[in-house]
Amino acid sequence: MSHPTYKLTYFDVRGVAEAVRFVFAYAKIPFEDVRIPWSSPTDWPALKPKTPFRQLPYLEIDGEVYGQSAAFTRLVAKKYNLAGTTDEEQAHVDAIADYIKDIWNSIYKFWMEPDAEKKEKLRDEYFKTGLVEHLDVLESHLNGYGKGKFFVPSGVTWADFVVATFAFTLQKHFPATLEQREALKAHMERVNNLPGIKEWIAKRPQTDD
């Protein structure tokens, strides 16, 4: 069976592109992983006007360009049966992925703050209130509709990849946030040890984000 040609372009980070990399790894689909240096993105100013939404990442499928990571990750996931088996499951998958985006937006409010003192204050406030609620919600969905294994009953989907890559970043930068989150930690380990994904994690470039 032949597959489309995939070319992913993003900065040299895991970030919001790691979920689609997980899709490719799990489905054993080859793809070109173009990485622009994060610390000195000299190619980015020239590339930016050519991108669909003036931002990264974007994905080329047989030469056709798609922007917005959630949109193209969903597209590829559907091709390889990683988006839920019913309309209802797909709605749950989309909701979980959208919720992670909401959490990231909350984190970016302090992550990108240039003033160190203000950044620390914003971070502490979010970790004490907002993040606790967000992680409570995720575990509720995992243990409820997902029955504790994956986020939908039929099995693994791209929403699991979005959550697992998010949890990995939390554990790397803010390990205390997951100390009492046994369900989320177990879910992350379950995803990270799936065939294909385990091998990808072992060989992927080691980056901070």
N, C-alpha and C. Protein backbone atom coordinates (compact mmCIF):
# COMPACT_ATOMS: atom_id res chain seq x y z
N MET A 1 0.84 -1.20 0.00
CA MET A 1 0.00 0.00 0.00
C MET A 1 0.87 1.25 0.00
N SER A 2 0.63 2.12 -0.95
CA SER A 2 1.41 3.36 -1.02
C SER A 2 0.76 4.42 -0.15
N HIS A 3 1.58 5.31 0.36
CA HIS A 3 1.11 6.37 1.23
C HIS A 3 1.45 7.72 0.61
N PRO A 4 0.73 8.77 0.98
CA PRO A 4 1.11 10.11 0.53
C PRO A 4 2.51 10.46 1.01
N THR A 5 3.08 11.46 0.39
CA THR A 5 4.36 11.99 0.84
C THR A 5 4.10 13.10 1.85
N TYR A 6 4.71 12.97 3.02
CA TYR A 6 4.49 13.93 4.10
C TYR A 6 5.78 14.69 4.40
N LYS A 7 5.64 16.01 4.53
CA LYS A 7 6.77 16.85 4.90
C LYS A 7 6.31 17.84 5.97
N LEU A 8 6.85 17.69 7.17
CA LEU A 8 6.49 18.53 8.31
C LEU A 8 7.58 19.59 8.52
N THR A 9 7.18 20.84 8.65
CA THR A 9 8.12 21.93 8.90
C THR A 9 7.75 22.62 10.20
N TYR A 10 8.73 22.69 11.10
CA TYR A 10 8.51 23.30 12.42
C TYR A 10 9.86 23.72 12.97
N PHE A 11 9.83 24.42 14.09
CA PHE A 11 11.08 24.70 14.79
C PHE A 11 11.64 23.41 15.38
N ASP A 12 12.87 23.46 15.82
CA ASP A 12 13.53 22.27 16.36
C ASP A 12 13.11 22.05 17.82
N VAL A 13 11.82 21.77 17.97
CA VAL A 13 11.23 21.51 19.29
C VAL A 13 10.16 20.44 19.12
N ARG A 14 9.71 19.89 20.26
CA ARG A 14 8.57 18.96 20.21
C ARG A 14 7.30 19.77 19.97
N GLY A 15 6.96 20.60 20.95
CA GLY A 15 5.85 21.54 20.81
C GLY A 15 4.57 20.92 20.28
N VAL A 16 3.83 21.71 19.51
CA VAL A 16 2.53 21.27 19.01
C VAL A 16 2.64 20.34 17.80
N ALA A 17 3.85 20.10 17.32
CA ALA A 17 4.02 19.19 16.19
C ALA A 17 4.31 17.76 16.63
N GLU A 18 4.59 17.57 17.91
CA GLU A 18 5.00 16.23 18.34
C GLU A 18 3.86 15.22 18.24
N ALA A 19 2.63 15.68 18.38
CA ALA A 19 1.50 14.75 18.27
C ALA A 19 1.41 14.13 16.88
N VAL A 20 1.60 14.93 15.83
CA VAL A 20 1.54 14.35 14.49
C VAL A 20 2.76 13.48 14.23
N ARG A 21 3.89 13.80 14.82
CA ARG A 21 5.05 12.91 14.73
C ARG A 21 4.73 11.56 15.37
N PHE A 22 3.99 11.60 16.49
CA PHE A 22 3.55 10.35 17.12
C PHE A 22 2.62 9.56 16.19
N VAL A 23 1.73 10.25 15.50
CA VAL A 23 0.83 9.58 14.55
C VAL A 23 1.65 8.85 13.49
N PHE A 24 2.61 9.54 12.91
CA PHE A 24 3.46 8.91 11.90
C PHE A 24 4.22 7.73 12.48
N ALA A 25 4.76 7.90 13.67
CA ALA A 25 5.56 6.83 14.29
C ALA A 25 4.70 5.61 14.58
N TYR A 26 3.53 5.83 15.17
CA TYR A 26 2.65 4.72 15.54
C TYR A 26 2.12 3.99 14.30
N ALA A 27 1.77 4.76 13.27
CA ALA A 27 1.25 4.16 12.04
C ALA A 27 2.35 3.66 11.11
N LYS A 28 3.60 3.91 11.51
CA LYS A 28 4.76 3.49 10.72
C LYS A 28 4.74 4.09 9.32
N ILE A 29 4.49 5.40 9.28
CA ILE A 29 4.43 6.14 8.04
C ILE A 29 5.66 7.05 7.94
N PRO A 30 6.46 6.91 6.90
CA PRO A 30 7.63 7.79 6.76
C PRO A 30 7.22 9.23 6.50
N PHE A 31 8.01 10.16 7.02
CA PHE A 31 7.75 11.58 6.78
C PHE A 31 9.07 12.33 6.86
N GLU A 32 9.12 13.48 6.19
CA GLU A 32 10.29 14.35 6.26
C GLU A 32 10.08 15.33 7.40
N ASP A 33 11.04 15.38 8.31
CA ASP A 33 10.92 16.19 9.52
C ASP A 33 11.88 17.38 9.41
N VAL A 34 11.41 18.47 8.83
CA VAL A 34 12.23 19.65 8.62
C VAL A 34 12.20 20.50 9.89
N ARG A 35 13.38 20.78 10.45
CA ARG A 35 13.46 21.52 11.71
C ARG A 35 14.28 22.80 11.53
N ILE A 36 13.67 23.91 11.92
CA ILE A 36 14.33 25.21 11.88
C ILE A 36 14.91 25.49 13.26
N PRO A 37 16.19 25.83 13.37
CA PRO A 37 16.79 26.06 14.69
C PRO A 37 15.99 27.06 15.52
N TRP A 38 15.70 26.69 16.74
CA TRP A 38 14.90 27.53 17.64
C TRP A 38 15.68 28.74 18.13
N SER A 39 16.97 28.55 18.41
CA SER A 39 17.77 29.62 19.00
C SER A 39 18.16 30.70 18.00
N SER A 40 18.33 30.31 16.74
CA SER A 40 18.71 31.29 15.71
C SER A 40 17.99 30.94 14.41
N PRO A 41 16.69 31.20 14.36
CA PRO A 41 15.90 30.80 13.20
C PRO A 41 16.12 31.70 11.99
N THR A 42 17.32 31.63 11.40
CA THR A 42 17.66 32.53 10.30
C THR A 42 16.80 32.30 9.07
N ASP A 43 16.27 31.08 8.90
CA ASP A 43 15.45 30.78 7.72
C ASP A 43 14.01 31.25 7.88
N TRP A 44 13.60 31.53 9.11
CA TRP A 44 12.19 31.79 9.37
C TRP A 44 11.68 33.08 8.72
N PRO A 45 12.36 34.22 8.78
CA PRO A 45 11.82 35.43 8.16
C PRO A 45 11.49 35.27 6.68
N ALA A 46 12.34 34.55 5.97
CA ALA A 46 12.08 34.35 4.54
C ALA A 46 10.96 33.34 4.32
N LEU A 47 10.86 32.38 5.22
CA LEU A 47 9.85 31.33 5.07
C LEU A 47 8.45 31.79 5.48
N LYS A 48 8.38 32.68 6.45
CA LYS A 48 7.10 33.07 7.06
C LYS A 48 6.03 33.49 6.05
N PRO A 49 6.32 34.37 5.07
CA PRO A 49 5.28 34.78 4.13
C PRO A 49 4.74 33.64 3.27
N LYS A 50 5.48 32.55 3.19
CA LYS A 50 5.07 31.43 2.34
C LYS A 50 4.21 30.41 3.07
N THR A 51 4.05 30.58 4.39
CA THR A 51 3.29 29.61 5.17
C THR A 51 1.80 29.96 5.13
N PRO A 52 0.93 28.97 5.35
CA PRO A 52 -0.52 29.22 5.22
C PRO A 52 -1.06 30.29 6.17
N PHE A 53 -0.55 30.33 7.40
CA PHE A 53 -1.06 31.27 8.40
C PHE A 53 0.05 32.13 9.01
N ARG A 54 1.17 32.23 8.30
CA ARG A 54 2.32 33.02 8.76
C ARG A 54 2.85 32.48 10.09
N GLN A 55 2.79 31.18 10.26
CA GLN A 55 3.27 30.56 11.49
C GLN A 55 3.63 29.10 11.23
N LEU A 56 4.36 28.55 12.17
CA LEU A 56 4.72 27.14 12.14
C LEU A 56 3.98 26.43 13.27
N PRO A 57 3.74 25.12 13.09
CA PRO A 57 4.16 24.24 12.01
C PRO A 57 3.16 24.25 10.85
N TYR A 58 3.61 23.65 9.73
CA TYR A 58 2.69 23.32 8.66
C TYR A 58 3.11 21.97 8.08
N LEU A 59 2.17 21.33 7.42
CA LEU A 59 2.40 19.99 6.88
C LEU A 59 2.07 19.98 5.40
N GLU A 60 2.98 19.44 4.61
CA GLU A 60 2.74 19.24 3.18
C GLU A 60 2.38 17.78 2.94
N ILE A 61 1.27 17.57 2.24
CA ILE A 61 0.82 16.23 1.88
C ILE A 61 0.75 16.17 0.36
N ASP A 62 1.68 15.43 -0.22
CA ASP A 62 1.80 15.37 -1.68
C ASP A 62 1.86 16.78 -2.29
N GLY A 63 2.57 17.67 -1.60
CA GLY A 63 2.76 19.02 -2.11
C GLY A 63 1.71 20.02 -1.70
N GLU A 64 0.57 19.57 -1.20
CA GLU A 64 -0.48 20.47 -0.73
C GLU A 64 -0.16 20.89 0.71
N VAL A 65 -0.26 22.19 0.99
CA VAL A 65 0.18 22.71 2.29
C VAL A 65 -1.01 22.91 3.23
N TYR A 66 -0.85 22.42 4.46
CA TYR A 66 -1.89 22.55 5.48
C TYR A 66 -1.31 23.20 6.73
N GLY A 67 -1.99 24.22 7.24
CA GLY A 67 -1.58 24.87 8.47
C GLY A 67 -2.45 24.46 9.64
N GLN A 68 -2.11 24.97 10.82
CA GLN A 68 -2.82 24.70 12.06
C GLN A 68 -2.64 23.24 12.48
N SER A 69 -1.85 23.05 13.52
CA SER A 69 -1.42 21.71 13.92
C SER A 69 -2.59 20.78 14.25
N ALA A 70 -3.61 21.28 14.93
CA ALA A 70 -4.74 20.41 15.26
C ALA A 70 -5.46 19.94 14.00
N ALA A 71 -5.60 20.82 13.02
CA ALA A 71 -6.31 20.47 11.80
C ALA A 71 -5.57 19.39 11.01
N PHE A 72 -4.26 19.57 10.83
CA PHE A 72 -3.58 18.56 10.02
C PHE A 72 -3.28 17.28 10.80
N THR A 73 -3.14 17.39 12.12
CA THR A 73 -2.98 16.16 12.91
C THR A 73 -4.25 15.33 12.85
N ARG A 74 -5.39 15.98 12.96
CA ARG A 74 -6.68 15.30 12.84
C ARG A 74 -6.83 14.65 11.47
N LEU A 75 -6.44 15.37 10.43
CA LEU A 75 -6.54 14.85 9.07
C LEU A 75 -5.73 13.57 8.90
N VAL A 76 -4.48 13.61 9.34
CA VAL A 76 -3.62 12.43 9.20
C VAL A 76 -4.11 11.31 10.10
N ALA A 77 -4.54 11.65 11.31
CA ALA A 77 -5.03 10.63 12.24
C ALA A 77 -6.23 9.88 11.66
N LYS A 78 -7.12 10.59 10.99
CA LYS A 78 -8.28 9.94 10.38
C LYS A 78 -7.86 8.95 9.30
N LYS A 79 -6.81 9.29 8.57
CA LYS A 79 -6.34 8.39 7.51
C LYS A 79 -5.86 7.06 8.07
N TYR A 80 -5.38 7.07 9.32
CA TYR A 80 -4.79 5.87 9.90
C TYR A 80 -5.55 5.39 11.13
N ASN A 81 -6.86 5.68 11.15
CA ASN A 81 -7.77 5.15 12.18
C ASN A 81 -7.34 5.51 13.60
N LEU A 82 -6.93 6.76 13.78
CA LEU A 82 -6.51 7.23 15.09
C LEU A 82 -7.30 8.46 15.54
N ALA A 83 -8.58 8.49 15.13
CA ALA A 83 -9.40 9.66 15.45
C ALA A 83 -10.73 9.28 16.11
N GLY A 84 -10.86 8.04 16.57
CA GLY A 84 -12.13 7.58 17.12
C GLY A 84 -12.93 6.83 16.08
N THR A 85 -13.78 5.92 16.52
CA THR A 85 -14.50 5.06 15.59
C THR A 85 -15.93 5.50 15.32
N THR A 86 -16.44 6.45 16.09
CA THR A 86 -17.79 6.97 15.88
C THR A 86 -17.75 8.49 15.90
N ASP A 87 -18.84 9.09 15.45
CA ASP A 87 -18.92 10.56 15.50
C ASP A 87 -18.79 11.06 16.93
N GLU A 88 -19.39 10.33 17.86
CA GLU A 88 -19.34 10.73 19.26
C GLU A 88 -17.91 10.66 19.80
N GLU A 89 -17.20 9.59 19.47
CA GLU A 89 -15.81 9.49 19.90
C GLU A 89 -14.96 10.59 19.29
N GLN A 90 -15.20 10.89 18.03
CA GLN A 90 -14.43 11.94 17.37
C GLN A 90 -14.67 13.29 18.04
N ALA A 91 -15.90 13.52 18.50
CA ALA A 91 -16.19 14.76 19.21
C ALA A 91 -15.41 14.82 20.52
N HIS A 92 -15.33 13.70 21.23
CA HIS A 92 -14.55 13.66 22.47
C HIS A 92 -13.06 13.89 22.18
N VAL A 93 -12.57 13.27 21.13
CA VAL A 93 -11.16 13.43 20.75
C VAL A 93 -10.86 14.90 20.46
N ASP A 94 -11.71 15.53 19.65
CA ASP A 94 -11.51 16.94 19.31
C ASP A 94 -11.56 17.82 20.56
N ALA A 95 -12.48 17.49 21.47
CA ALA A 95 -12.63 18.30 22.68
C ALA A 95 -11.39 18.23 23.55
N ILE A 96 -10.81 17.04 23.70
CA ILE A 96 -9.60 16.89 24.51
C ILE A 96 -8.45 17.66 23.88
N ALA A 97 -8.29 17.54 22.57
CA ALA A 97 -7.22 18.27 21.88
C ALA A 97 -7.39 19.78 22.02
N ASP A 98 -8.63 20.25 21.89
CA ASP A 98 -8.89 21.68 22.06
C ASP A 98 -8.60 22.13 23.49
N TYR A 99 -8.90 21.27 24.44
CA TYR A 99 -8.68 21.62 25.85
C TYR A 99 -7.19 21.76 26.15
N ILE A 100 -6.39 20.89 25.57
CA ILE A 100 -4.94 21.01 25.76
C ILE A 100 -4.44 22.33 25.17
N LYS A 101 -5.02 22.75 24.05
CA LYS A 101 -4.64 24.04 23.48
C LYS A 101 -4.99 25.17 24.44
N ASP A 102 -6.15 25.07 25.10
CA ASP A 102 -6.53 26.07 26.10
C ASP A 102 -5.50 26.12 27.24
N ILE A 103 -5.06 24.95 27.68
CA ILE A 103 -4.07 24.90 28.76
C ILE A 103 -2.77 25.54 28.31
N TRP A 104 -2.33 25.22 27.11
CA TRP A 104 -1.09 25.81 26.59
C TRP A 104 -1.19 27.33 26.54
N ASN A 105 -2.34 27.83 26.12
CA ASN A 105 -2.52 29.28 26.06
C ASN A 105 -2.38 29.91 27.45
N SER A 106 -2.86 29.21 28.47
CA SER A 106 -2.71 29.70 29.84
C SER A 106 -1.25 29.69 30.28
N ILE A 107 -0.54 28.65 29.89
CA ILE A 107 0.88 28.54 30.26
C ILE A 107 1.72 29.60 29.54
N TYR A 108 1.39 29.86 28.27
CA TYR A 108 2.17 30.84 27.51
C TYR A 108 2.08 32.24 28.12
N LYS A 109 1.00 32.51 28.85
CA LYS A 109 0.85 33.83 29.45
C LYS A 109 1.99 34.15 30.41
N PHE A 110 2.50 33.13 31.10
CA PHE A 110 3.65 33.39 31.98
C PHE A 110 4.96 32.94 31.35
N TRP A 111 4.92 31.92 30.49
CA TRP A 111 6.14 31.39 29.91
C TRP A 111 6.87 32.45 29.08
N MET A 112 6.11 33.27 28.38
CA MET A 112 6.70 34.27 27.49
C MET A 112 6.87 35.63 28.16
N GLU A 113 6.56 35.73 29.45
CA GLU A 113 6.70 37.00 30.18
C GLU A 113 8.18 37.34 30.35
N PRO A 114 8.63 38.50 29.84
CA PRO A 114 10.06 38.85 29.93
C PRO A 114 10.52 39.26 31.32
N ASP A 115 9.61 39.80 32.13
CA ASP A 115 9.98 40.23 33.48
C ASP A 115 10.02 39.03 34.41
N ALA A 116 11.19 38.72 34.96
CA ALA A 116 11.37 37.50 35.75
C ALA A 116 10.48 37.45 36.98
N GLU A 117 10.37 38.58 37.68
CA GLU A 117 9.55 38.60 38.90
C GLU A 117 8.07 38.40 38.58
N LYS A 118 7.61 39.08 37.55
CA LYS A 118 6.21 38.94 37.15
C LYS A 118 5.94 37.53 36.62
N LYS A 119 6.91 36.99 35.90
CA LYS A 119 6.77 35.64 35.36
C LYS A 119 6.59 34.62 36.48
N GLU A 120 7.40 34.74 37.51
CA GLU A 120 7.32 33.80 38.64
C GLU A 120 5.97 33.92 39.35
N LYS A 121 5.50 35.15 39.51
CA LYS A 121 4.21 35.37 40.18
C LYS A 121 3.07 34.77 39.37
N LEU A 122 3.07 35.01 38.05
CA LEU A 122 2.02 34.46 37.19
C LEU A 122 2.05 32.94 37.18
N ARG A 123 3.26 32.38 37.16
CA ARG A 123 3.41 30.92 37.16
C ARG A 123 2.86 30.33 38.45
N ASP A 124 3.24 30.90 39.58
CA ASP A 124 2.79 30.38 40.87
C ASP A 124 1.27 30.45 41.00
N GLU A 125 0.70 31.55 40.54
CA GLU A 125 -0.76 31.71 40.61
C GLU A 125 -1.46 30.66 39.76
N TYR A 126 -0.93 30.42 38.56
CA TYR A 126 -1.56 29.45 37.67
C TYR A 126 -1.42 28.03 38.20
N PHE A 127 -0.25 27.69 38.72
CA PHE A 127 -0.04 26.34 39.23
C PHE A 127 -0.91 26.04 40.44
N LYS A 128 -1.22 27.05 41.24
CA LYS A 128 -2.02 26.83 42.46
C LYS A 128 -3.51 26.71 42.16
N THR A 129 -3.95 27.27 41.05
CA THR A 129 -5.39 27.29 40.77
C THR A 129 -5.71 26.69 39.40
N GLY A 130 -5.36 27.42 38.35
CA GLY A 130 -5.76 27.02 37.00
C GLY A 130 -5.30 25.64 36.59
N LEU A 131 -4.03 25.35 36.78
CA LEU A 131 -3.50 24.07 36.33
C LEU A 131 -4.11 22.91 37.11
N VAL A 132 -4.32 23.11 38.39
CA VAL A 132 -4.94 22.06 39.22
C VAL A 132 -6.31 21.68 38.64
N GLU A 133 -7.09 22.69 38.32
CA GLU A 133 -8.42 22.43 37.73
C GLU A 133 -8.30 21.76 36.37
N HIS A 134 -7.38 22.24 35.55
CA HIS A 134 -7.21 21.65 34.22
C HIS A 134 -6.82 20.18 34.29
N LEU A 135 -5.91 19.84 35.18
CA LEU A 135 -5.49 18.45 35.30
C LEU A 135 -6.59 17.59 35.91
N ASP A 136 -7.37 18.17 36.82
CA ASP A 136 -8.54 17.46 37.36
C ASP A 136 -9.50 17.08 36.23
N VAL A 137 -9.74 18.03 35.34
CA VAL A 137 -10.66 17.79 34.22
C VAL A 137 -10.13 16.68 33.31
N LEU A 138 -8.84 16.74 32.99
CA LEU A 138 -8.26 15.71 32.13
C LEU A 138 -8.39 14.33 32.75
N GLU A 139 -8.07 14.21 34.03
CA GLU A 139 -8.16 12.91 34.68
C GLU A 139 -9.61 12.43 34.77
N SER A 140 -10.54 13.37 34.93
CA SER A 140 -11.95 13.00 34.96
C SER A 140 -12.39 12.39 33.63
N HIS A 141 -11.96 12.98 32.52
CA HIS A 141 -12.30 12.43 31.20
C HIS A 141 -11.60 11.10 30.96
N LEU A 142 -10.36 11.01 31.36
CA LEU A 142 -9.61 9.77 31.17
C LEU A 142 -10.24 8.61 31.95
N ASN A 143 -10.56 8.85 33.19
CA ASN A 143 -11.12 7.80 34.05
C ASN A 143 -12.61 7.56 33.80
N GLY A 144 -13.28 8.55 33.20
CA GLY A 144 -14.70 8.42 32.93
C GLY A 144 -14.97 7.82 31.56
N TYR A 145 -15.10 8.68 30.56
CA TYR A 145 -15.41 8.21 29.21
C TYR A 145 -14.33 7.27 28.68
N GLY A 146 -13.08 7.53 29.02
CA GLY A 146 -12.00 6.71 28.52
C GLY A 146 -11.75 5.43 29.28
N LYS A 147 -12.44 5.24 30.40
CA LYS A 147 -12.31 4.01 31.21
C LYS A 147 -10.90 3.81 31.77
N GLY A 148 -10.11 4.90 31.86
CA GLY A 148 -8.83 4.83 32.53
C GLY A 148 -7.64 4.44 31.69
N LYS A 149 -7.86 4.03 30.44
CA LYS A 149 -6.73 3.59 29.62
C LYS A 149 -6.36 4.65 28.60
N PHE A 150 -7.28 4.91 27.65
CA PHE A 150 -7.11 5.99 26.68
C PHE A 150 -8.32 6.91 26.80
N PHE A 151 -8.35 7.97 26.01
CA PHE A 151 -9.40 8.97 26.21
C PHE A 151 -10.74 8.63 25.55
N VAL A 152 -10.78 7.61 24.70
CA VAL A 152 -12.06 7.09 24.20
C VAL A 152 -12.04 5.57 24.33
N PRO A 153 -13.21 4.94 24.45
CA PRO A 153 -13.26 3.50 24.73
C PRO A 153 -12.65 2.61 23.66
N SER A 154 -12.70 3.04 22.39
CA SER A 154 -12.24 2.15 21.31
C SER A 154 -10.73 1.98 21.27
N GLY A 155 -9.99 2.85 21.94
CA GLY A 155 -8.53 2.70 21.94
C GLY A 155 -7.81 4.01 21.70
N VAL A 156 -6.54 3.89 21.36
CA VAL A 156 -5.68 5.06 21.25
C VAL A 156 -6.08 5.94 20.07
N THR A 157 -5.99 7.25 20.28
CA THR A 157 -6.26 8.24 19.24
C THR A 157 -5.23 9.36 19.33
N TRP A 158 -5.33 10.27 18.39
CA TRP A 158 -4.38 11.39 18.40
C TRP A 158 -4.55 12.28 19.62
N ALA A 159 -5.73 12.26 20.26
CA ALA A 159 -5.91 13.01 21.50
C ALA A 159 -4.98 12.48 22.59
N ASP A 160 -4.79 11.18 22.64
CA ASP A 160 -3.85 10.60 23.60
C ASP A 160 -2.44 11.09 23.34
N PHE A 161 -2.10 11.25 22.07
CA PHE A 161 -0.76 11.74 21.73
C PHE A 161 -0.59 13.20 22.15
N VAL A 162 -1.64 13.99 21.97
CA VAL A 162 -1.60 15.40 22.38
C VAL A 162 -1.41 15.51 23.89
N VAL A 163 -2.17 14.71 24.65
CA VAL A 163 -2.08 14.77 26.11
C VAL A 163 -0.73 14.24 26.59
N ALA A 164 -0.27 13.14 26.01
CA ALA A 164 1.00 12.54 26.45
C ALA A 164 2.18 13.46 26.18
N THR A 165 2.19 14.14 25.05
CA THR A 165 3.30 15.05 24.75
C THR A 165 3.24 16.28 25.65
N PHE A 166 2.03 16.72 25.98
CA PHE A 166 1.87 17.82 26.93
C PHE A 166 2.37 17.41 28.32
N ALA A 167 1.98 16.23 28.77
CA ALA A 167 2.40 15.74 30.09
C ALA A 167 3.91 15.57 30.16
N PHE A 168 4.51 15.14 29.06
CA PHE A 168 5.97 14.97 29.02
C PHE A 168 6.66 16.31 29.24
N THR A 169 6.15 17.36 28.61
CA THR A 169 6.73 18.69 28.78
C THR A 169 6.54 19.19 30.20
N LEU A 170 5.36 18.95 30.77
CA LEU A 170 5.13 19.33 32.17
C LEU A 170 6.12 18.62 33.08
N GLN A 171 6.28 17.34 32.88
CA GLN A 171 7.19 16.56 33.73
C GLN A 171 8.63 17.03 33.58
N LYS A 172 9.00 17.43 32.39
CA LYS A 172 10.37 17.87 32.14
C LYS A 172 10.67 19.22 32.79
N HIS A 173 9.74 20.15 32.68
CA HIS A 173 9.98 21.52 33.16
C HIS A 173 9.40 21.79 34.55
N PHE A 174 8.29 21.14 34.87
CA PHE A 174 7.61 21.40 36.14
C PHE A 174 7.18 20.07 36.78
N PRO A 175 8.13 19.23 37.16
CA PRO A 175 7.81 17.87 37.61
C PRO A 175 6.86 17.81 38.80
N ALA A 176 6.88 18.82 39.65
CA ALA A 176 6.01 18.80 40.83
C ALA A 176 4.53 18.80 40.45
N THR A 177 4.20 19.32 39.27
CA THR A 177 2.79 19.41 38.88
C THR A 177 2.16 18.05 38.65
N LEU A 178 2.98 17.03 38.40
CA LEU A 178 2.44 15.69 38.13
C LEU A 178 2.66 14.71 39.28
N GLU A 179 3.18 15.19 40.39
CA GLU A 179 3.53 14.28 41.49
C GLU A 179 2.34 13.46 41.97
N GLN A 180 1.17 14.05 42.05
CA GLN A 180 -0.01 13.35 42.54
C GLN A 180 -0.97 12.96 41.41
N ARG A 181 -0.46 12.94 40.20
CA ARG A 181 -1.31 12.67 39.03
C ARG A 181 -1.00 11.29 38.46
N GLU A 182 -1.36 10.27 39.23
CA GLU A 182 -1.00 8.90 38.84
C GLU A 182 -1.68 8.48 37.54
N ALA A 183 -2.92 8.90 37.34
CA ALA A 183 -3.63 8.51 36.12
C ALA A 183 -2.97 9.11 34.88
N LEU A 184 -2.62 10.40 34.95
CA LEU A 184 -1.99 11.05 33.81
C LEU A 184 -0.58 10.52 33.56
N LYS A 185 0.15 10.25 34.63
CA LYS A 185 1.50 9.69 34.46
C LYS A 185 1.44 8.30 33.86
N ALA A 186 0.50 7.48 34.32
CA ALA A 186 0.35 6.14 33.77
C ALA A 186 -0.06 6.19 32.31
N HIS A 187 -0.95 7.14 31.99
CA HIS A 187 -1.37 7.32 30.60
C HIS A 187 -0.19 7.71 29.72
N MET A 188 0.62 8.66 30.19
CA MET A 188 1.79 9.08 29.42
C MET A 188 2.73 7.91 29.17
N GLU A 189 3.00 7.11 30.19
CA GLU A 189 3.88 5.96 30.02
C GLU A 189 3.27 4.94 29.07
N ARG A 190 1.96 4.77 29.14
CA ARG A 190 1.27 3.83 28.25
C ARG A 190 1.46 4.26 26.79
N VAL A 191 1.25 5.54 26.53
CA VAL A 191 1.40 6.06 25.17
C VAL A 191 2.86 5.99 24.73
N ASN A 192 3.76 6.42 25.59
CA ASN A 192 5.18 6.47 25.22
C ASN A 192 5.79 5.11 24.98
N ASN A 193 5.13 4.06 25.43
CA ASN A 193 5.64 2.70 25.23
C ASN A 193 4.90 1.94 24.14
N LEU A 194 4.03 2.63 23.41
CA LEU A 194 3.35 2.00 22.29
C LEU A 194 4.36 1.67 21.18
N PRO A 195 4.13 0.59 20.43
CA PRO A 195 5.03 0.26 19.31
C PRO A 195 5.13 1.42 18.34
N GLY A 196 6.31 1.70 17.91
CA GLY A 196 6.55 2.81 17.00
C GLY A 196 6.86 4.09 17.75
N ILE A 197 6.05 4.43 18.72
CA ILE A 197 6.28 5.64 19.51
C ILE A 197 7.49 5.47 20.41
N LYS A 198 7.61 4.31 21.03
CA LYS A 198 8.77 4.04 21.88
C LYS A 198 10.06 4.20 21.09
N GLU A 199 10.08 3.68 19.88
CA GLU A 199 11.27 3.78 19.04
C GLU A 199 11.52 5.23 18.61
N TRP A 200 10.44 5.95 18.31
CA TRP A 200 10.59 7.36 17.93
C TRP A 200 11.20 8.18 19.06
N ILE A 201 10.71 7.98 20.27
CA ILE A 201 11.22 8.73 21.42
C ILE A 201 12.70 8.46 21.63
N ALA A 202 13.12 7.22 21.38
CA ALA A 202 14.52 6.85 21.58
C ALA A 202 15.45 7.52 20.57
N LYS A 203 14.94 7.81 19.38
CA LYS A 203 15.81 8.33 18.33
C LYS A 203 15.58 9.81 18.00
N ARG A 204 14.50 10.40 18.50
CA ARG A 204 14.19 11.78 18.12
C ARG A 204 15.24 12.74 18.67
N PRO A 205 15.40 13.91 18.04
CA PRO A 205 16.32 14.91 18.58
C PRO A 205 15.94 15.31 20.00
N GLN A 206 16.92 15.45 20.85
CA GLN A 206 16.67 15.84 22.23
C GLN A 206 16.60 17.36 22.33
N THR A 207 15.43 17.88 22.66
CA THR A 207 15.22 19.32 22.73
C THR A 207 14.60 19.69 24.08
N ASP A 208 14.71 20.96 24.46
CA ASP A 208 14.16 21.41 25.74
C ASP A 208 12.64 21.46 25.72
N ASP A 209 12.08 21.86 24.58
CA ASP A 209 10.62 22.05 24.50
C ASP A 209 10.02 21.18 23.39
